Amino acid sequence: MKHTLLLPALFLAVLLFCPAHAADSYKVVFETMDCSGNTGFATVGPDEIYKIGDDDCTDPDNPAKKLKQLLIHDGQGSYRIFTLTQDEARNVMQDVKEYMRSRKGVLDRSDSIIISH
């Protein structure tokens, strides 16, 4: 009797906690740069990223290139903005593409259900 109750309880625990935790745990890390050349790092979840667009100022290290703006959903109907170099913006896009390919691969290879909230 104990074994028949233990198996469904473990299955339920895995179903409820693991997929949601796994989906939220992946973060994209990137270097930021403002118009003055000040740098820093930021971390966001790939599902929070809205889009990458052009910024108004140029890259202080390479005046021929404009900086990029990364818009992040803040969960309240507006966005946080991070400024990046063009190379770093490409890296962020590549990270998100790889994450989405991996997530799709999990779905293609199994009967898993991904629960996001």
Protein backbone atom coordinates (compact mmCIF):
# COMPACT_ATOMS: atom_id res chain seq x y z
CA MET A 1 0.00 0.00 0.00
CA LYS A 2 2.85 2.39 0.83
CA HIS A 3 4.49 1.84 -2.56
CA THR A 4 1.30 2.51 -4.49
CA LEU A 5 0.87 5.88 -2.78
CA LEU A 6 4.55 6.81 -2.99
CA LEU A 7 4.79 6.52 -6.77
CA PRO A 8 1.88 8.87 -7.58
CA ALA A 9 3.12 11.34 -4.95
CA LEU A 10 6.61 11.41 -6.50
CA PHE A 11 5.17 11.76 -9.98
CA LEU A 12 3.00 14.68 -8.87
CA ALA A 13 5.95 16.38 -7.18
CA VAL A 14 8.10 16.04 -10.30
CA LEU A 15 5.29 17.26 -12.53
CA LEU A 16 4.51 20.29 -10.43
CA PHE A 17 7.95 21.49 -9.40
CA CYS A 18 10.57 20.48 -11.96
CA PRO A 19 9.23 21.86 -15.27
CA ALA A 20 8.36 25.26 -13.83
CA HIS A 21 11.68 25.52 -12.04
CA ALA A 22 13.66 24.43 -15.11
CA ALA A 23 11.91 26.95 -17.36
CA ASP A 24 12.60 29.82 -14.94
CA SER A 25 16.19 28.93 -14.14
CA TYR A 26 17.79 29.73 -17.52
CA LYS A 27 19.05 33.31 -17.76
CA VAL A 28 20.76 35.29 -20.48
CA VAL A 29 23.79 37.20 -19.20
CA PHE A 30 25.07 40.16 -21.17
CA GLU A 31 27.33 43.20 -20.94
CA THR A 32 25.67 46.60 -20.99
CA MET A 33 27.21 49.86 -22.21
CA ASP A 34 25.78 53.35 -22.00
CA CYS A 35 26.43 56.29 -24.32
CA SER A 36 29.34 57.44 -22.14
CA GLY A 37 31.11 54.08 -22.36
CA ASN A 38 30.25 52.87 -18.85
CA THR A 39 29.81 49.11 -18.76
CA GLY A 40 28.09 46.59 -16.54
CA PHE A 41 26.33 43.23 -16.61
CA ALA A 42 22.68 42.26 -16.54
CA THR A 43 20.77 38.99 -16.36
CA VAL A 44 17.28 38.35 -17.72
CA GLY A 45 15.10 35.38 -18.56
CA PRO A 46 14.73 34.75 -22.30
CA ASP A 47 10.94 34.97 -22.07
CA GLU A 48 11.19 38.49 -20.63
CA ILE A 49 12.90 39.90 -23.74
CA TYR A 50 10.54 41.89 -25.94
CA LYS A 51 12.86 43.15 -28.68
CA ILE A 52 16.18 44.68 -29.63
CA GLY A 53 16.22 47.96 -31.53
CA ASP A 54 18.53 50.85 -32.38
CA ASP A 55 19.59 53.37 -29.74
CA ASP A 56 20.14 57.08 -30.38
CA CYS A 57 23.84 57.21 -29.53
CA THR A 58 26.95 55.64 -31.01
CA ASP A 59 29.32 53.13 -29.49
CA PRO A 60 32.10 55.12 -27.75
CA ASP A 61 34.61 52.39 -28.68
CA ASN A 62 33.49 52.33 -32.33
CA PRO A 63 31.81 55.61 -33.43
CA ALA A 64 30.82 54.09 -36.78
CA LYS A 65 28.31 51.80 -35.00
CA LYS A 66 25.19 52.69 -33.07
CA LEU A 67 24.37 51.08 -29.74
CA LYS A 68 21.33 48.81 -29.40
CA GLN A 69 18.45 48.89 -26.91
CA LEU A 70 17.18 45.68 -25.32
CA LEU A 71 13.59 46.02 -24.11
CA ILE A 72 12.57 43.76 -21.21
CA HIS A 73 8.97 43.25 -20.01
CA ASP A 74 8.76 44.49 -16.42
CA GLY A 75 5.52 42.60 -15.71
CA GLN A 76 3.53 45.81 -15.18
CA GLY A 77 2.82 46.87 -18.76
CA SER A 78 6.05 48.77 -19.40
CA TYR A 79 9.67 47.92 -20.19
CA ARG A 80 13.15 48.17 -18.72
CA ILE A 81 15.75 49.27 -21.25
CA PHE A 82 19.34 48.05 -21.43
CA THR A 83 21.87 49.51 -23.87
CA LEU A 84 24.26 47.11 -25.61
CA THR A 85 26.89 47.11 -28.31
CA GLN A 86 25.91 45.57 -31.64
CA ASP A 87 28.14 42.56 -30.98
CA GLU A 88 26.59 41.97 -27.56
CA ALA A 89 23.09 42.30 -29.03
CA ARG A 90 23.99 39.55 -31.54
CA ASN A 91 25.24 37.39 -28.65
CA VAL A 92 21.96 37.87 -26.76
CA MET A 93 19.94 36.95 -29.85
CA GLN A 94 22.12 33.86 -30.36
CA ASP A 95 21.64 32.79 -26.71
CA VAL A 96 17.87 33.15 -27.01
CA LYS A 97 17.81 31.20 -30.28
CA GLU A 98 19.87 28.37 -28.74
CA TYR A 99 17.59 28.31 -25.69
CA MET A 100 14.47 28.11 -27.86
CA ARG A 101 16.03 25.35 -30.01
CA SER A 102 16.85 23.38 -26.86
CA ARG A 103 13.36 23.89 -25.48
CA LYS A 104 11.85 22.78 -28.79
CA GLY A 105 14.18 19.77 -28.84
CA VAL A 106 12.87 18.64 -25.46
CA LEU A 107 9.34 18.78 -26.83
CA ASP A 108 10.30 16.97 -30.03
CA ARG A 109 12.13 14.16 -28.22
CA SER A 110 9.61 13.40 -25.52
CA ASP A 111 6.07 13.53 -24.33
CA SER A 112 7.01 16.26 -21.83
CA ILE A 113 4.75 19.10 -20.91
CA ILE A 114 6.30 22.49 -20.27
CA ILE A 115 4.32 24.55 -17.80
CA SER A 116 5.12 28.25 -17.73
CA HIS A 117 3.47 30.88 -15.66
